[in-house]
Amino acid sequence: MNQTATKPNRVLVPTLTGIGLAIGVLVAVIASDVILGVIAGASFIAITVGLVRLWTGGDNQQPHR
């Protein structure tokens, strides 16, 4: 049986990226250190992208014939 993977909503990815950006800026302002802000924002974005791929089955792509 062929199972179709669900695709993430068009609004989901930009929203999560915006949240990651906001977290990075917030951490940078609070800690007065840009590097910590970049690390926090990039970590959030990387984790959420991984979770969205896991949730939607993005890693189980079949080869094209």
PDB file of N, CA and C in Angstrom:
ATOM      1  N   MET A   1       0.846  -1.175   0.000  1.00  0.00           N
ATOM      2  CA  MET A   1       0.000   0.000   0.000  1.00  0.00           C
ATOM      3  C   MET A   1       0.890   1.237   0.000  1.00  0.00           C
ATOM      4  N   ASN A   2       0.531   2.209  -0.793  1.00  0.00           N
ATOM      5  CA  ASN A   2       1.320   3.424  -0.931  1.00  0.00           C
ATOM      6  C   ASN A   2       0.792   4.487   0.027  1.00  0.00           C
ATOM      7  N   GLN A   3       1.658   4.990   0.884  1.00  0.00           N
ATOM      8  CA  GLN A   3       1.248   6.007   1.857  1.00  0.00           C
ATOM      9  C   GLN A   3       1.810   7.361   1.445  1.00  0.00           C
ATOM     10  N   THR A   4       0.961   8.360   1.410  1.00  0.00           N
ATOM     11  CA  THR A   4       1.373   9.702   1.028  1.00  0.00           C
ATOM     12  C   THR A   4       1.768  10.477   2.275  1.00  0.00           C
ATOM     13  N   ALA A   5       2.944  11.084   2.248  1.00  0.00           N
ATOM     14  CA  ALA A   5       3.403  11.879   3.392  1.00  0.00           C
ATOM     15  C   ALA A   5       2.680  13.224   3.389  1.00  0.00           C
ATOM     16  N   THR A   6       2.315  13.662   4.581  1.00  0.00           N
ATOM     17  CA  THR A   6       1.664  14.964   4.682  1.00  0.00           C
ATOM     18  C   THR A   6       2.718  16.052   4.578  1.00  0.00           C
ATOM     19  N   LYS A   7       2.350  17.157   3.943  1.00  0.00           N
ATOM     20  CA  LYS A   7       3.273  18.275   3.792  1.00  0.00           C
ATOM     21  C   LYS A   7       2.993  19.303   4.871  1.00  0.00           C
ATOM     22  N   PRO A   8       4.040  19.977   5.360  1.00  0.00           N
ATOM     23  CA  PRO A   8       3.809  21.017   6.362  1.00  0.00           C
ATOM     24  C   PRO A   8       3.039  22.188   5.767  1.00  0.00           C
ATOM     25  N   ASN A   9       2.279  22.837   6.592  1.00  0.00           N
ATOM     26  CA  ASN A   9       1.508  23.993   6.175  1.00  0.00           C
ATOM     27  C   ASN A   9       2.449  25.076   5.649  1.00  0.00           C
ATOM     28  N   ARG A  10       1.990  25.859   4.669  1.00  0.00           N
ATOM     29  CA  ARG A  10       2.833  26.918   4.090  1.00  0.00           C
ATOM     30  C   ARG A  10       3.210  27.974   5.115  1.00  0.00           C
ATOM     31  N   VAL A  11       2.416  28.127   6.135  1.00  0.00           N
ATOM     32  CA  VAL A  11       2.653  29.149   7.146  1.00  0.00           C
ATOM     33  C   VAL A  11       3.566  28.621   8.255  1.00  0.00           C
ATOM     34  N   LEU A  12       3.651  27.315   8.401  1.00  0.00           N
ATOM     35  CA  LEU A  12       4.381  26.715   9.513  1.00  0.00           C
ATOM     36  C   LEU A  12       5.876  27.029   9.481  1.00  0.00           C
ATOM     37  N   VAL A  13       6.506  26.831   8.359  1.00  0.00           N
ATOM     38  CA  VAL A  13       7.964  27.015   8.277  1.00  0.00           C
ATOM     39  C   VAL A  13       8.373  28.476   8.502  1.00  0.00           C
ATOM     40  N   PRO A  14       7.733  29.459   7.832  1.00  0.00           N
ATOM     41  CA  PRO A  14       8.102  30.857   8.125  1.00  0.00           C
ATOM     42  C   PRO A  14       7.795  31.269   9.569  1.00  0.00           C
ATOM     43  N   THR A  15       6.733  30.710  10.133  1.00  0.00           N
ATOM     44  CA  THR A  15       6.399  31.025  11.522  1.00  0.00           C
ATOM     45  C   THR A  15       7.471  30.501  12.464  1.00  0.00           C
ATOM     46  N   LEU A  16       7.884  29.267  12.271  1.00  0.00           N
ATOM     47  CA  LEU A  16       8.933  28.699  13.128  1.00  0.00           C
ATOM     48  C   LEU A  16      10.264  29.422  12.933  1.00  0.00           C
ATOM     49  N   THR A  17      10.554  29.832  11.707  1.00  0.00           N
ATOM     50  CA  THR A  17      11.772  30.601  11.459  1.00  0.00           C
ATOM     51  C   THR A  17      11.709  31.954  12.156  1.00  0.00           C
ATOM     52  N   GLY A  18      10.556  32.601  12.116  1.00  0.00           N
ATOM     53  CA  GLY A  18      10.379  33.880  12.812  1.00  0.00           C
ATOM     54  C   GLY A  18      10.516  33.739  14.315  1.00  0.00           C
ATOM     55  N   ILE A  19       9.975  32.652  14.862  1.00  0.00           N
ATOM     56  CA  ILE A  19      10.116  32.402  16.298  1.00  0.00           C
ATOM     57  C   ILE A  19      11.588  32.187  16.647  1.00  0.00           C
ATOM     58  N   GLY A  20      12.311  31.439  15.810  1.00  0.00           N
ATOM     59  CA  GLY A  20      13.741  31.227  16.040  1.00  0.00           C
ATOM     60  C   GLY A  20      14.518  32.524  15.990  1.00  0.00           C
ATOM     61  N   LEU A  21      14.158  33.389  15.054  1.00  0.00           N
ATOM     62  CA  LEU A  21      14.802  34.698  14.959  1.00  0.00           C
ATOM     63  C   LEU A  21      14.521  35.541  16.196  1.00  0.00           C
ATOM     64  N   ALA A  22      13.259  35.524  16.650  1.00  0.00           N
ATOM     65  CA  ALA A  22      12.893  36.286  17.848  1.00  0.00           C
ATOM     66  C   ALA A  22      13.611  35.765  19.081  1.00  0.00           C
ATOM     67  N   ILE A  23      13.729  34.454  19.204  1.00  0.00           N
ATOM     68  CA  ILE A  23      14.449  33.876  20.345  1.00  0.00           C
ATOM     69  C   ILE A  23      15.913  34.286  20.301  1.00  0.00           C
ATOM     70  N   GLY A  24      16.509  34.249  19.114  1.00  0.00           N
ATOM     71  CA  GLY A  24      17.912  34.641  18.975  1.00  0.00           C
ATOM     72  C   GLY A  24      18.139  36.092  19.356  1.00  0.00           C
ATOM     73  N   VAL A  25      17.260  36.984  18.894  1.00  0.00           N
ATOM     74  CA  VAL A  25      17.396  38.406  19.224  1.00  0.00           C
ATOM     75  C   VAL A  25      17.179  38.621  20.720  1.00  0.00           C
ATOM     76  N   LEU A  26      16.176  37.959  21.291  1.00  0.00           N
ATOM     77  CA  LEU A  26      15.900  38.098  22.726  1.00  0.00           C
ATOM     78  C   LEU A  26      17.079  37.639  23.579  1.00  0.00           C
ATOM     79  N   VAL A  27      17.655  36.499  23.239  1.00  0.00           N
ATOM     80  CA  VAL A  27      18.813  35.994  23.991  1.00  0.00           C
ATOM     81  C   VAL A  27      20.000  36.931  23.816  1.00  0.00           C
ATOM     82  N   ALA A  28      20.208  37.443  22.600  1.00  0.00           N
ATOM     83  CA  ALA A  28      21.324  38.351  22.358  1.00  0.00           C
ATOM     84  C   ALA A  28      21.175  39.637  23.163  1.00  0.00           C
ATOM     85  N   VAL A  29      19.964  40.160  23.269  1.00  0.00           N
ATOM     86  CA  VAL A  29      19.741  41.393  24.025  1.00  0.00           C
ATOM     87  C   VAL A  29      19.896  41.155  25.529  1.00  0.00           C
ATOM     88  N   ILE A  30      19.298  40.068  26.005  1.00  0.00           N
ATOM     89  CA  ILE A  30      19.376  39.786  27.451  1.00  0.00           C
ATOM     90  C   ILE A  30      20.805  39.474  27.877  1.00  0.00           C
ATOM     91  N   ALA A  31      21.506  38.662  27.090  1.00  0.00           N
ATOM     92  CA  ALA A  31      22.862  38.242  27.466  1.00  0.00           C
ATOM     93  C   ALA A  31      23.927  39.238  27.017  1.00  0.00           C
ATOM     94  N   SER A  32      23.555  40.223  26.214  1.00  0.00           N
ATOM     95  CA  SER A  32      24.499  41.187  25.645  1.00  0.00           C
ATOM     96  C   SER A  32      25.629  40.480  24.893  1.00  0.00           C
ATOM     97  N   ASP A  33      25.269  39.394  24.232  1.00  0.00           N
ATOM     98  CA  ASP A  33      26.255  38.628  23.478  1.00  0.00           C
ATOM     99  C   ASP A  33      25.586  38.080  22.218  1.00  0.00           C
ATOM    100  N   VAL A  34      26.057  38.532  21.080  1.00  0.00           N
ATOM    101  CA  VAL A  34      25.444  38.151  19.813  1.00  0.00           C
ATOM    102  C   VAL A  34      25.634  36.664  19.526  1.00  0.00           C
ATOM    103  N   ILE A  35      26.789  36.120  19.889  1.00  0.00           N
ATOM    104  CA  ILE A  35      27.073  34.713  19.614  1.00  0.00           C
ATOM    105  C   ILE A  35      26.064  33.809  20.311  1.00  0.00           C
ATOM    106  N   LEU A  36      25.726  34.112  21.554  1.00  0.00           N
ATOM    107  CA  LEU A  36      24.733  33.303  22.267  1.00  0.00           C
ATOM    108  C   LEU A  36      23.369  33.406  21.601  1.00  0.00           C
ATOM    109  N   GLY A  37      23.032  34.568  21.093  1.00  0.00           N
ATOM    110  CA  GLY A  37      21.772  34.739  20.384  1.00  0.00           C
ATOM    111  C   GLY A  37      21.721  33.934  19.105  1.00  0.00           C
ATOM    112  N   VAL A  38      22.827  33.937  18.369  1.00  0.00           N
ATOM    113  CA  VAL A  38      22.901  33.159  17.132  1.00  0.00           C
ATOM    114  C   VAL A  38      22.791  31.668  17.436  1.00  0.00           C
ATOM    115  N   ILE A  39      23.471  31.231  18.467  1.00  0.00           N
ATOM    116  CA  ILE A  39      23.412  29.814  18.854  1.00  0.00           C
ATOM    117  C   ILE A  39      21.995  29.425  19.256  1.00  0.00           C
ATOM    118  N   ALA A  40      21.336  30.253  20.049  1.00  0.00           N
ATOM    119  CA  ALA A  40      19.980  29.943  20.504  1.00  0.00           C
ATOM    120  C   ALA A  40      19.004  29.910  19.330  1.00  0.00           C
ATOM    121  N   GLY A  41      19.063  30.892  18.452  1.00  0.00           N
ATOM    122  CA  GLY A  41      18.161  30.935  17.308  1.00  0.00           C
ATOM    123  C   GLY A  41      18.389  29.787  16.343  1.00  0.00           C
ATOM    124  N   ALA A  42      19.649  29.522  16.035  1.00  0.00           N
ATOM    125  CA  ALA A  42      19.974  28.433  15.112  1.00  0.00           C
ATOM    126  C   ALA A  42      19.602  27.077  15.694  1.00  0.00           C
ATOM    127  N   SER A  43      19.793  26.914  16.982  1.00  0.00           N
ATOM    128  CA  SER A  43      19.421  25.651  17.634  1.00  0.00           C
ATOM    129  C   SER A  43      17.921  25.426  17.563  1.00  0.00           C
ATOM    130  N   PHE A  44      17.135  26.472  17.839  1.00  0.00           N
ATOM    131  CA  PHE A  44      15.683  26.348  17.774  1.00  0.00           C
ATOM    132  C   PHE A  44      15.238  25.985  16.363  1.00  0.00           C
ATOM    133  N   ILE A  45      15.786  26.665  15.374  1.00  0.00           N
ATOM    134  CA  ILE A  45      15.393  26.401  13.986  1.00  0.00           C
ATOM    135  C   ILE A  45      15.785  24.981  13.585  1.00  0.00           C
ATOM    136  N   ALA A  46      16.984  24.540  13.942  1.00  0.00           N
ATOM    137  CA  ALA A  46      17.438  23.197  13.574  1.00  0.00           C
ATOM    138  C   ALA A  46      16.574  22.117  14.219  1.00  0.00           C
ATOM    139  N   ILE A  47      16.240  22.297  15.487  1.00  0.00           N
ATOM    140  CA  ILE A  47      15.423  21.302  16.183  1.00  0.00           C
ATOM    141  C   ILE A  47      14.022  21.246  15.593  1.00  0.00           C
ATOM    142  N   THR A  48      13.425  22.410  15.334  1.00  0.00           N
ATOM    143  CA  THR A  48      12.063  22.409  14.798  1.00  0.00           C
ATOM    144  C   THR A  48      12.011  21.870  13.367  1.00  0.00           C
ATOM    145  N   VAL A  49      13.024  22.149  12.558  1.00  0.00           N
ATOM    146  CA  VAL A  49      13.055  21.588  11.202  1.00  0.00           C
ATOM    147  C   VAL A  49      13.147  20.069  11.274  1.00  0.00           C
ATOM    148  N   GLY A  50      13.970  19.564  12.173  1.00  0.00           N
ATOM    149  CA  GLY A  50      14.073  18.116  12.357  1.00  0.00           C
ATOM    150  C   GLY A  50      12.766  17.496  12.808  1.00  0.00           C
ATOM    151  N   LEU A  51      12.075  18.172  13.723  1.00  0.00           N
ATOM    152  CA  LEU A  51      10.793  17.652  14.196  1.00  0.00           C
ATOM    153  C   LEU A  51       9.723  17.700  13.118  1.00  0.00           C
ATOM    154  N   VAL A  52       9.717  18.754  12.309  1.00  0.00           N
ATOM    155  CA  VAL A  52       8.737  18.835  11.221  1.00  0.00           C
ATOM    156  C   VAL A  52       9.007  17.748  10.190  1.00  0.00           C
ATOM    157  N   ARG A  53      10.259  17.488   9.872  1.00  0.00           N
ATOM    158  CA  ARG A  53      10.586  16.417   8.928  1.00  0.00           C
ATOM    159  C   ARG A  53      10.185  15.058   9.487  1.00  0.00           C
ATOM    160  N   LEU A  54      10.419  14.856  10.772  1.00  0.00           N
ATOM    161  CA  LEU A  54      10.039  13.599  11.402  1.00  0.00           C
ATOM    162  C   LEU A  54       8.527  13.442  11.401  1.00  0.00           C
ATOM    163  N   TRP A  55       7.818  14.519  11.688  1.00  0.00           N
ATOM    164  CA  TRP A  55       6.362  14.501  11.765  1.00  0.00           C
ATOM    165  C   TRP A  55       5.718  14.259  10.404  1.00  0.00           C
ATOM    166  N   THR A  56       6.279  14.875   9.365  1.00  0.00           N
ATOM    167  CA  THR A  56       5.695  14.756   8.031  1.00  0.00           C
ATOM    168  C   THR A  56       6.269  13.601   7.235  1.00  0.00           C
ATOM    169  N   GLY A  57       7.251  12.902   7.766  1.00  0.00           N
ATOM    170  CA  GLY A  57       7.850  11.792   7.032  1.00  0.00           C
ATOM    171  C   GLY A  57       8.731  12.259   5.896  1.00  0.00           C
ATOM    172  N   GLY A  58       9.382  13.395   6.041  1.00  0.00           N
ATOM    173  CA  GLY A  58      10.196  13.974   4.982  1.00  0.00           C
ATOM    174  C   GLY A  58      11.452  13.184   4.667  1.00  0.00           C
ATOM    175  N   ASP A  59      11.894  12.317   5.580  1.00  0.00           N
ATOM    176  CA  ASP A  59      13.105  11.547   5.341  1.00  0.00           C
ATOM    177  C   ASP A  59      12.841  10.245   4.587  1.00  0.00           C
ATOM    178  N   ASN A  60      11.583   9.889   4.417  1.00  0.00           N
ATOM    179  CA  ASN A  60      11.241   8.617   3.761  1.00  0.00           C
ATOM    180  C   ASN A  60      10.852   8.856   2.303  1.00  0.00           C
ATOM    181  N   GLN A  61      11.743   9.458   1.546  1.00  0.00           N
ATOM    182  CA  GLN A  61      11.445   9.740   0.152  1.00  0.00           C
ATOM    183  C   GLN A  61      11.823   8.540  -0.704  1.00  0.00           C
ATOM    184  N   GLN A  62      10.921   8.170  -1.595  1.00  0.00           N
ATOM    185  CA  GLN A  62      11.168   7.074  -2.509  1.00  0.00           C
ATOM    186  C   GLN A  62      11.909   7.599  -3.735  1.00  0.00           C
ATOM    187  N   PRO A  63      12.834   6.819  -4.283  1.00  0.00           N
ATOM    188  CA  PRO A  63      13.526   7.274  -5.501  1.00  0.00           C
ATOM    189  C   PRO A  63      12.563   7.365  -6.675  1.00  0.00           C
ATOM    190  N   HIS A  64      12.798   8.325  -7.549  1.00  0.00           N
ATOM    191  CA  HIS A  64      11.972   8.489  -8.732  1.00  0.00           C
ATOM    192  C   HIS A  64      12.358   7.465  -9.780  1.00  0.00           C
ATOM    193  N   ARG A  65      11.363   6.957 -10.487  1.00  0.00           N
ATOM    194  CA  ARG A  65      11.640   5.950 -11.527  1.00  0.00           C
ATOM    195  C   ARG A  65      11.362   6.519 -12.879  1.00  0.00           C
TER     196      ARG A  65
END
